[in-house]
Each structure stands twice: as C-alpha cells, then as structure tokens.
Amino acid sequence: VAPQIRHRFDQVKKVADGANVPCGPIPPQAYSPL
C-alpha cells in the first residue's frame, strides 16, 4: 500500500488477510532514486 493512501491501509489489509496475501506499507524512501 502506497504511503499516499496510508489512511486506507487497514481496509486493504483486511481484504488481503482474507485472501491470505501478505500485506504491508510501502516505505516513503521507495520513491527515491534508489
């Protein structure tokens, strides 16, 4: 889940958990050149 929609993380995680798919936030530093 992108940092821009962190407020929706719990909603997405609930759906992912129901499908047994690991779910986590993307760290903000992921948007850097590296």
PDB file of all heavy atoms in Angstrom:
ATOM      1  N   VAL A   1       0.842  -1.194   0.000  1.00  0.00           N
ATOM      2  CA  VAL A   1       0.000   0.000   0.000  1.00  0.00           C
ATOM      3  C   VAL A   1       0.876   1.242   0.000  1.00  0.00           C
ATOM      4  O   VAL A   1       1.787   1.374   0.819  1.00  0.00           O
ATOM      5  CB  VAL A   1      -0.944  -0.004   1.218  1.00  0.00           C
ATOM      6  CG1 VAL A   1      -1.831   1.229   1.214  1.00  0.00           C
ATOM      7  CG2 VAL A   1      -1.803  -1.269   1.233  1.00  0.00           C
ATOM      8  N   ALA A   2       0.576   2.157  -0.909  1.00  0.00           N
ATOM      9  CA  ALA A   2       1.348   3.390  -1.055  1.00  0.00           C
ATOM     10  C   ALA A   2       1.173   4.305   0.161  1.00  0.00           C
ATOM     11  O   ALA A   2       0.102   4.331   0.773  1.00  0.00           O
ATOM     12  CB  ALA A   2       0.907   4.137  -2.307  1.00  0.00           C
ATOM     13  N   PRO A   3       2.218   5.070   0.491  1.00  0.00           N
ATOM     14  CA  PRO A   3       2.132   5.999   1.630  1.00  0.00           C
ATOM     15  C   PRO A   3       1.032   7.055   1.456  1.00  0.00           C
ATOM     16  O   PRO A   3       0.451   7.501   2.426  1.00  0.00           O
ATOM     17  CB  PRO A   3       3.507   6.676   1.674  1.00  0.00           C
ATOM     18  CG  PRO A   3       4.397   5.901   0.785  1.00  0.00           C
ATOM     19  CD  PRO A   3       3.544   5.083  -0.129  1.00  0.00           C
ATOM     20  N   GLN A   4       0.732   7.419   0.208  1.00  0.00           N
ATOM     21  CA  GLN A   4      -0.278   8.443  -0.038  1.00  0.00           C
ATOM     22  C   GLN A   4      -1.678   8.025   0.408  1.00  0.00           C
ATOM     23  O   GLN A   4      -2.527   8.868   0.626  1.00  0.00           O
ATOM     24  CB  GLN A   4      -0.334   8.816  -1.532  1.00  0.00           C
ATOM     25  CG  GLN A   4       0.961   9.338  -2.093  1.00  0.00           C
ATOM     26  CD  GLN A   4       1.820   8.234  -2.692  1.00  0.00           C
ATOM     27  OE1 GLN A   4       1.864   7.108  -2.191  1.00  0.00           O
ATOM     28  NE2 GLN A   4       2.522   8.549  -3.772  1.00  0.00           N
ATOM     29  N   ILE A   5      -1.893   6.736   0.521  1.00  0.00           N
ATOM     30  CA  ILE A   5      -3.219   6.248   0.943  1.00  0.00           C
ATOM     31  C   ILE A   5      -3.107   5.427   2.225  1.00  0.00           C
ATOM     32  O   ILE A   5      -3.884   4.508   2.459  1.00  0.00           O
ATOM     33  CB  ILE A   5      -3.932   5.461  -0.180  1.00  0.00           C
ATOM     34  CG1 ILE A   5      -3.097   4.272  -0.633  1.00  0.00           C
ATOM     35  CG2 ILE A   5      -4.299   6.367  -1.331  1.00  0.00           C
ATOM     36  CD1 ILE A   5      -3.866   3.305  -1.504  1.00  0.00           C
ATOM     37  N   ARG A   6      -2.159   5.784   3.055  1.00  0.00           N
ATOM     38  CA  ARG A   6      -1.953   5.079   4.317  1.00  0.00           C
ATOM     39  C   ARG A   6      -3.241   5.023   5.150  1.00  0.00           C
ATOM     40  O   ARG A   6      -3.487   4.069   5.881  1.00  0.00           O
ATOM     41  CB  ARG A   6      -0.830   5.744   5.118  1.00  0.00           C
ATOM     42  CG  ARG A   6      -0.377   4.928   6.298  1.00  0.00           C
ATOM     43  CD  ARG A   6       0.888   5.479   6.911  1.00  0.00           C
ATOM     44  NE  ARG A   6       2.011   5.478   5.993  1.00  0.00           N
ATOM     45  CZ  ARG A   6       2.873   4.476   5.870  1.00  0.00           C
ATOM     46  NH1 ARG A   6       2.742   3.405   6.601  1.00  0.00           N
ATOM     47  NH2 ARG A   6       3.871   4.546   5.027  1.00  0.00           N
ATOM     48  N   HIS A   7      -4.081   6.035   5.016  1.00  0.00           N
ATOM     49  CA  HIS A   7      -5.342   6.058   5.753  1.00  0.00           C
ATOM     50  C   HIS A   7      -6.274   4.914   5.353  1.00  0.00           C
ATOM     51  O   HIS A   7      -7.221   4.601   6.062  1.00  0.00           O
ATOM     52  CB  HIS A   7      -6.042   7.417   5.582  1.00  0.00           C
ATOM     53  CG  HIS A   7      -6.405   7.728   4.162  1.00  0.00           C
ATOM     54  ND1 HIS A   7      -5.457   8.127   3.223  1.00  0.00           N
ATOM     55  CD2 HIS A   7      -7.584   7.681   3.512  1.00  0.00           C
ATOM     56  CE1 HIS A   7      -6.061   8.321   2.063  1.00  0.00           C
ATOM     57  NE2 HIS A   7      -7.348   8.055   2.209  1.00  0.00           N
ATOM     58  N   ARG A   8      -6.003   4.277   4.234  1.00  0.00           N
ATOM     59  CA  ARG A   8      -6.820   3.147   3.787  1.00  0.00           C
ATOM     60  C   ARG A   8      -6.112   1.808   4.003  1.00  0.00           C
ATOM     61  O   ARG A   8      -6.606   0.771   3.574  1.00  0.00           O
ATOM     62  CB  ARG A   8      -7.159   3.304   2.310  1.00  0.00           C
ATOM     63  CG  ARG A   8      -8.037   4.507   2.057  1.00  0.00           C
ATOM     64  CD  ARG A   8      -8.996   4.197   0.961  1.00  0.00           C
ATOM     65  NE  ARG A   8      -9.960   5.252   0.820  1.00  0.00           N
ATOM     66  CZ  ARG A   8     -10.342   5.758  -0.323  1.00  0.00           C
ATOM     67  NH1 ARG A   8      -9.840   5.295  -1.438  1.00  0.00           N
ATOM     68  NH2 ARG A   8     -11.250   6.706  -0.369  1.00  0.00           N
ATOM     69  N   PHE A   9      -4.967   1.834   4.661  1.00  0.00           N
ATOM     70  CA  PHE A   9      -4.188   0.608   4.839  1.00  0.00           C
ATOM     71  C   PHE A   9      -4.995  -0.484   5.536  1.00  0.00           C
ATOM     72  O   PHE A   9      -5.000  -1.630   5.090  1.00  0.00           O
ATOM     73  CB  PHE A   9      -2.896   0.883   5.617  1.00  0.00           C
ATOM     74  CG  PHE A   9      -2.087  -0.366   5.855  1.00  0.00           C
ATOM     75  CD1 PHE A   9      -1.334  -0.913   4.834  1.00  0.00           C
ATOM     76  CD2 PHE A   9      -2.104  -1.013   7.079  1.00  0.00           C
ATOM     77  CE1 PHE A   9      -0.607  -2.081   5.024  1.00  0.00           C
ATOM     78  CE2 PHE A   9      -1.386  -2.176   7.286  1.00  0.00           C
ATOM     79  CZ  PHE A   9      -0.637  -2.712   6.249  1.00  0.00           C
ATOM     80  N   ASP A  10      -5.668  -0.154   6.635  1.00  0.00           N
ATOM     81  CA  ASP A  10      -6.423  -1.178   7.382  1.00  0.00           C
ATOM     82  C   ASP A  10      -7.490  -1.835   6.513  1.00  0.00           C
ATOM     83  O   ASP A  10      -7.696  -3.044   6.585  1.00  0.00           O
ATOM     84  CB  ASP A  10      -7.056  -0.572   8.630  1.00  0.00           C
ATOM     85  CG  ASP A  10      -6.029  -0.192   9.684  1.00  0.00           C
ATOM     86  OD1 ASP A  10      -4.888  -0.708   9.625  1.00  0.00           O
ATOM     87  OD2 ASP A  10      -6.355   0.621  10.566  1.00  0.00           O
ATOM     88  N   GLN A  11      -8.139  -1.038   5.674  1.00  0.00           N
ATOM     89  CA  GLN A  11      -9.172  -1.560   4.770  1.00  0.00           C
ATOM     90  C   GLN A  11      -8.549  -2.552   3.778  1.00  0.00           C
ATOM     91  O   GLN A  11      -9.076  -3.646   3.574  1.00  0.00           O
ATOM     92  CB  GLN A  11      -9.814  -0.396   4.019  1.00  0.00           C
ATOM     93  CG  GLN A  11     -10.722  -0.801   2.888  1.00  0.00           C
ATOM     94  CD  GLN A  11     -11.068   0.379   1.974  1.00  0.00           C
ATOM     95  OE1 GLN A  11     -10.720   1.518   2.247  1.00  0.00           O
ATOM     96  NE2 GLN A  11     -11.733   0.090   0.883  1.00  0.00           N
ATOM     97  N   VAL A  12      -7.430  -2.184   3.184  1.00  0.00           N
ATOM     98  CA  VAL A  12      -6.765  -3.052   2.214  1.00  0.00           C
ATOM     99  C   VAL A  12      -6.225  -4.300   2.902  1.00  0.00           C
ATOM    100  O   VAL A  12      -6.357  -5.412   2.399  1.00  0.00           O
ATOM    101  CB  VAL A  12      -5.637  -2.293   1.485  1.00  0.00           C
ATOM    102  CG1 VAL A  12      -4.822  -3.230   0.600  1.00  0.00           C
ATOM    103  CG2 VAL A  12      -6.213  -1.140   0.667  1.00  0.00           C
ATOM    104  N   LYS A  13      -5.613  -4.134   4.072  1.00  0.00           N
ATOM    105  CA  LYS A  13      -5.035  -5.273   4.799  1.00  0.00           C
ATOM    106  C   LYS A  13      -6.113  -6.287   5.163  1.00  0.00           C
ATOM    107  O   LYS A  13      -5.881  -7.495   5.083  1.00  0.00           O
ATOM    108  CB  LYS A  13      -4.306  -4.797   6.056  1.00  0.00           C
ATOM    109  CG  LYS A  13      -3.699  -5.960   6.836  1.00  0.00           C
ATOM    110  CD  LYS A  13      -2.397  -5.598   7.453  1.00  0.00           C
ATOM    111  CE  LYS A  13      -1.774  -6.681   8.288  1.00  0.00           C
ATOM    112  NZ  LYS A  13      -1.801  -8.011   7.776  1.00  0.00           N
ATOM    113  N   LYS A  14      -7.282  -5.830   5.528  1.00  0.00           N
ATOM    114  CA  LYS A  14      -8.375  -6.741   5.877  1.00  0.00           C
ATOM    115  C   LYS A  14      -8.742  -7.623   4.673  1.00  0.00           C
ATOM    116  O   LYS A  14      -8.922  -8.831   4.813  1.00  0.00           O
ATOM    117  CB  LYS A  14      -9.588  -5.937   6.342  1.00  0.00           C
ATOM    118  CG  LYS A  14     -10.740  -6.784   6.801  1.00  0.00           C
ATOM    119  CD  LYS A  14     -11.878  -5.929   7.317  1.00  0.00           C
ATOM    120  CE  LYS A  14     -13.046  -6.775   7.745  1.00  0.00           C
ATOM    121  NZ  LYS A  14     -14.178  -5.970   8.202  1.00  0.00           N
ATOM    122  N   VAL A  15      -8.804  -7.025   3.503  1.00  0.00           N
ATOM    123  CA  VAL A  15      -9.116  -7.785   2.285  1.00  0.00           C
ATOM    124  C   VAL A  15      -7.980  -8.758   1.979  1.00  0.00           C
ATOM    125  O   VAL A  15      -8.206  -9.921   1.655  1.00  0.00           O
ATOM    126  CB  VAL A  15      -9.368  -6.835   1.099  1.00  0.00           C
ATOM    127  CG1 VAL A  15      -9.538  -7.619  -0.196  1.00  0.00           C
ATOM    128  CG2 VAL A  15     -10.593  -5.966   1.354  1.00  0.00           C
ATOM    129  N   ALA A  16      -6.738  -8.281   2.090  1.00  0.00           N
ATOM    130  CA  ALA A  16      -5.577  -9.136   1.817  1.00  0.00           C
ATOM    131  C   ALA A  16      -5.496 -10.290   2.804  1.00  0.00           C
ATOM    132  O   ALA A  16      -5.239 -11.428   2.418  1.00  0.00           O
ATOM    133  CB  ALA A  16      -4.292  -8.306   1.858  1.00  0.00           C
ATOM    134  N   ASP A  17      -5.734 -10.022   4.076  1.00  0.00           N
ATOM    135  CA  ASP A  17      -5.721 -11.079   5.086  1.00  0.00           C
ATOM    136  C   ASP A  17      -6.763 -12.136   4.774  1.00  0.00           C
ATOM    137  O   ASP A  17      -6.515 -13.333   4.937  1.00  0.00           O
ATOM    138  CB  ASP A  17      -5.954 -10.503   6.484  1.00  0.00           C
ATOM    139  CG  ASP A  17      -4.765  -9.744   7.037  1.00  0.00           C
ATOM    140  OD1 ASP A  17      -3.664  -9.812   6.438  1.00  0.00           O
ATOM    141  OD2 ASP A  17      -4.932  -9.054   8.070  1.00  0.00           O
ATOM    142  N   GLY A  18      -7.928 -11.693   4.310  1.00  0.00           N
ATOM    143  CA  GLY A  18      -8.992 -12.633   3.955  1.00  0.00           C
ATOM    144  C   GLY A  18      -8.604 -13.543   2.798  1.00  0.00           C
ATOM    145  O   GLY A  18      -9.106 -14.651   2.672  1.00  0.00           O
ATOM    146  N   ALA A  19      -7.691 -13.067   1.952  1.00  0.00           N
ATOM    147  CA  ALA A  19      -7.226 -13.850   0.807  1.00  0.00           C
ATOM    148  C   ALA A  19      -5.878 -14.520   1.094  1.00  0.00           C
ATOM    149  O   ALA A  19      -5.272 -15.105   0.202  1.00  0.00           O
ATOM    150  CB  ALA A  19      -7.101 -12.948  -0.416  1.00  0.00           C
ATOM    151  N   ASN A  20      -5.412 -14.430   2.349  1.00  0.00           N
ATOM    152  CA  ASN A  20      -4.111 -14.997   2.751  1.00  0.00           C
ATOM    153  C   ASN A  20      -2.956 -14.458   1.921  1.00  0.00           C
ATOM    154  O   ASN A  20      -2.054 -15.210   1.524  1.00  0.00           O
ATOM    155  CB  ASN A  20      -4.137 -16.528   2.710  1.00  0.00           C
ATOM    156  CG  ASN A  20      -5.049 -17.100   3.759  1.00  0.00           C
ATOM    157  OD1 ASN A  20      -5.068 -16.626   4.895  1.00  0.00           O
ATOM    158  ND2 ASN A  20      -5.829 -18.101   3.386  1.00  0.00           N
ATOM    159  N   VAL A  21      -2.982 -13.157   1.639  1.00  0.00           N
ATOM    160  CA  VAL A  21      -1.916 -12.482   0.906  1.00  0.00           C
ATOM    161  C   VAL A  21      -1.218 -11.530   1.870  1.00  0.00           C
ATOM    162  O   VAL A  21      -1.867 -10.670   2.458  1.00  0.00           O
ATOM    163  CB  VAL A  21      -2.480 -11.701  -0.305  1.00  0.00           C
ATOM    164  CG1 VAL A  21      -1.386 -10.908  -1.000  1.00  0.00           C
ATOM    165  CG2 VAL A  21      -3.169 -12.645  -1.280  1.00  0.00           C
ATOM    166  N   PRO A  22       0.105 -11.679   2.076  1.00  0.00           N
ATOM    167  CA  PRO A  22       0.815 -10.762   2.961  1.00  0.00           C
ATOM    168  C   PRO A  22       0.658  -9.321   2.462  1.00  0.00           C
ATOM    169  O   PRO A  22       0.728  -9.065   1.264  1.00  0.00           O
ATOM    170  CB  PRO A  22       2.282 -11.188   2.863  1.00  0.00           C
ATOM    171  CG  PRO A  22       2.293 -12.503   2.180  1.00  0.00           C
ATOM    172  CD  PRO A  22       0.995 -12.644   1.445  1.00  0.00           C
ATOM    173  N   CYS A  23       0.441  -8.399   3.387  1.00  0.00           N
ATOM    174  CA  CYS A  23       0.190  -7.013   3.018  1.00  0.00           C
ATOM    175  C   CYS A  23       0.986  -6.087   3.930  1.00  0.00           C
ATOM    176  O   CYS A  23       1.041  -6.309   5.143  1.00  0.00           O
ATOM    177  CB  CYS A  23      -1.302  -6.718   3.143  1.00  0.00           C
ATOM    178  SG  CYS A  23      -1.777  -5.044   2.681  1.00  0.00           S
ATOM    179  N   GLY A  24       1.593  -5.079   3.340  1.00  0.00           N
ATOM    180  CA  GLY A  24       2.350  -4.115   4.124  1.00  0.00           C
ATOM    181  C   GLY A  24       2.441  -2.787   3.414  1.00  0.00           C
ATOM    182  O   GLY A  24       2.139  -2.676   2.224  1.00  0.00           O
ATOM    183  N   PRO A  25       2.862  -1.760   4.139  1.00  0.00           N
ATOM    184  CA  PRO A  25       3.006  -0.439   3.531  1.00  0.00           C
ATOM    185  C   PRO A  25       4.305  -0.322   2.746  1.00  0.00           C
ATOM    186  O   PRO A  25       5.294  -0.980   3.054  1.00  0.00           O
ATOM    187  CB  PRO A  25       3.027   0.496   4.741  1.00  0.00           C
ATOM    188  CG  PRO A  25       3.583  -0.341   5.846  1.00  0.00           C
ATOM    189  CD  PRO A  25       3.126  -1.751   5.579  1.00  0.00           C
ATOM    190  N   ILE A  26       4.279   0.505   1.733  1.00  0.00           N
ATOM    191  CA  ILE A  26       5.499   0.838   1.001  1.00  0.00           C
ATOM    192  C   ILE A  26       6.188   1.954   1.767  1.00  0.00           C
ATOM    193  O   ILE A  26       5.566   2.968   2.075  1.00  0.00           O
ATOM    194  CB  ILE A  26       5.182   1.302  -0.429  1.00  0.00           C
ATOM    195  CG1 ILE A  26       4.689   0.122  -1.258  1.00  0.00           C
ATOM    196  CG2 ILE A  26       6.410   1.943  -1.083  1.00  0.00           C
ATOM    197  CD1 ILE A  26       4.356   0.474  -2.675  1.00  0.00           C
ATOM    198  N   PRO A  27       7.469   1.783   2.110  1.00  0.00           N
ATOM    199  CA  PRO A  27       8.165   2.841   2.823  1.00  0.00           C
ATOM    200  C   PRO A  27       8.334   4.076   1.939  1.00  0.00           C
ATOM    201  O   PRO A  27       8.566   3.940   0.733  1.00  0.00           O
ATOM    202  CB  PRO A  27       9.525   2.229   3.166  1.00  0.00           C
ATOM    203  CG  PRO A  27       9.622   0.942   2.447  1.00  0.00           C
ATOM    204  CD  PRO A  27       8.287   0.606   1.871  1.00  0.00           C
ATOM    205  N   PRO A  28       8.214   5.271   2.521  1.00  0.00           N
ATOM    206  CA  PRO A  28       8.343   6.502   1.726  1.00  0.00           C
ATOM    207  C   PRO A  28       9.657   6.590   0.947  1.00  0.00           C
ATOM    208  O   PRO A  28       9.691   7.138  -0.149  1.00  0.00           O
ATOM    209  CB  PRO A  28       8.259   7.611   2.777  1.00  0.00           C
ATOM    210  CG  PRO A  28       7.519   7.002   3.917  1.00  0.00           C
ATOM    211  CD  PRO A  28       7.888   5.543   3.906  1.00  0.00           C
ATOM    212  N   GLN A  29      10.749   6.024   1.481  1.00  0.00           N
ATOM    213  CA  GLN A  29      12.035   6.092   0.786  1.00  0.00           C
ATOM    214  C   GLN A  29      12.040   5.300  -0.521  1.00  0.00           C
ATOM    215  O   GLN A  29      12.961   5.412  -1.313  1.00  0.00           O
ATOM    216  CB  GLN A  29      13.195   5.697   1.693  1.00  0.00           C
ATOM    217  CG  GLN A  29      13.133   4.305   2.250  1.00  0.00           C
ATOM    218  CD  GLN A  29      12.419   4.221   3.598  1.00  0.00           C
ATOM    219  OE1 GLN A  29      11.479   4.959   3.847  1.00  0.00           O
ATOM    220  NE2 GLN A  29      12.848   3.319   4.455  1.00  0.00           N
ATOM    221  N   ALA A  30      10.993   4.527  -0.767  1.00  0.00           N
ATOM    222  CA  ALA A  30      10.896   3.780  -2.015  1.00  0.00           C
ATOM    223  C   ALA A  30      10.749   4.712  -3.216  1.00  0.00           C
ATOM    224  O   ALA A  30      10.992   4.306  -4.340  1.00  0.00           O
ATOM    225  CB  ALA A  30       9.710   2.817  -1.968  1.00  0.00           C
ATOM    226  N   TYR A  31      10.378   5.943  -2.971  1.00  0.00           N
ATOM    227  CA  TYR A  31      10.184   6.901  -4.055  1.00  0.00           C
ATOM    228  C   TYR A  31      11.456   7.683  -4.372  1.00  0.00           C
ATOM    229  O   TYR A  31      11.445   8.607  -5.156  1.00  0.00           O
ATOM    230  CB  TYR A  31       9.041   7.859  -3.714  1.00  0.00           C
ATOM    231  CG  TYR A  31       7.713   7.147  -3.686  1.00  0.00           C
ATOM    232  CD1 TYR A  31       7.232   6.584  -2.515  1.00  0.00           C
ATOM    233  CD2 TYR A  31       6.958   7.008  -4.839  1.00  0.00           C
ATOM    234  CE1 TYR A  31       6.021   5.905  -2.493  1.00  0.00           C
ATOM    235  CE2 TYR A  31       5.754   6.334  -4.827  1.00  0.00           C
ATOM    236  CZ  TYR A  31       5.289   5.788  -3.646  1.00  0.00           C
ATOM    237  OH  TYR A  31       4.099   5.117  -3.635  1.00  0.00           O
ATOM    238  N   SER A  32      12.567   7.296  -3.778  1.00  0.00           N
ATOM    239  CA  SER A  32      13.850   7.947  -4.038  1.00  0.00           C
ATOM    240  C   SER A  32      14.505   7.299  -5.252  1.00  0.00           C
ATOM    241  O   SER A  32      14.048   6.250  -5.728  1.00  0.00           O
ATOM    242  CB  SER A  32      14.761   7.815  -2.817  1.00  0.00           C
ATOM    243  OG  SER A  32      15.209   6.487  -2.691  1.00  0.00           O
ATOM    244  N   PRO A  33      15.613   7.880  -5.748  1.00  0.00           N
ATOM    245  CA  PRO A  33      16.293   7.277  -6.900  1.00  0.00           C
ATOM    246  C   PRO A  33      16.746   5.835  -6.665  1.00  0.00           C
ATOM    247  O   PRO A  33      16.858   5.065  -7.608  1.00  0.00           O
ATOM    248  CB  PRO A  33      17.505   8.193  -7.110  1.00  0.00           C
ATOM    249  CG  PRO A  33      17.070   9.507  -6.564  1.00  0.00           C
ATOM    250  CD  PRO A  33      16.180   9.173  -5.389  1.00  0.00           C
ATOM    251  N   LEU A  34      17.006   5.455  -5.431  1.00  0.00           N
ATOM    252  CA  LEU A  34      17.417   4.085  -5.126  1.00  0.00           C
ATOM    253  C   LEU A  34      16.245   3.268  -4.582  1.00  0.00           C
ATOM    254  O   LEU A  34      16.441   2.280  -3.881  1.00  0.00           O
ATOM    255  CB  LEU A  34      18.567   4.091  -4.115  1.00  0.00           C
ATOM    256  CG  LEU A  34      19.834   4.821  -4.581  1.00  0.00           C
ATOM    257  CD1 LEU A  34      20.857   4.883  -3.467  1.00  0.00           C
ATOM    258  CD2 LEU A  34      20.417   4.148  -5.805  1.00  0.00           C
TER     259      LEU A  34
END
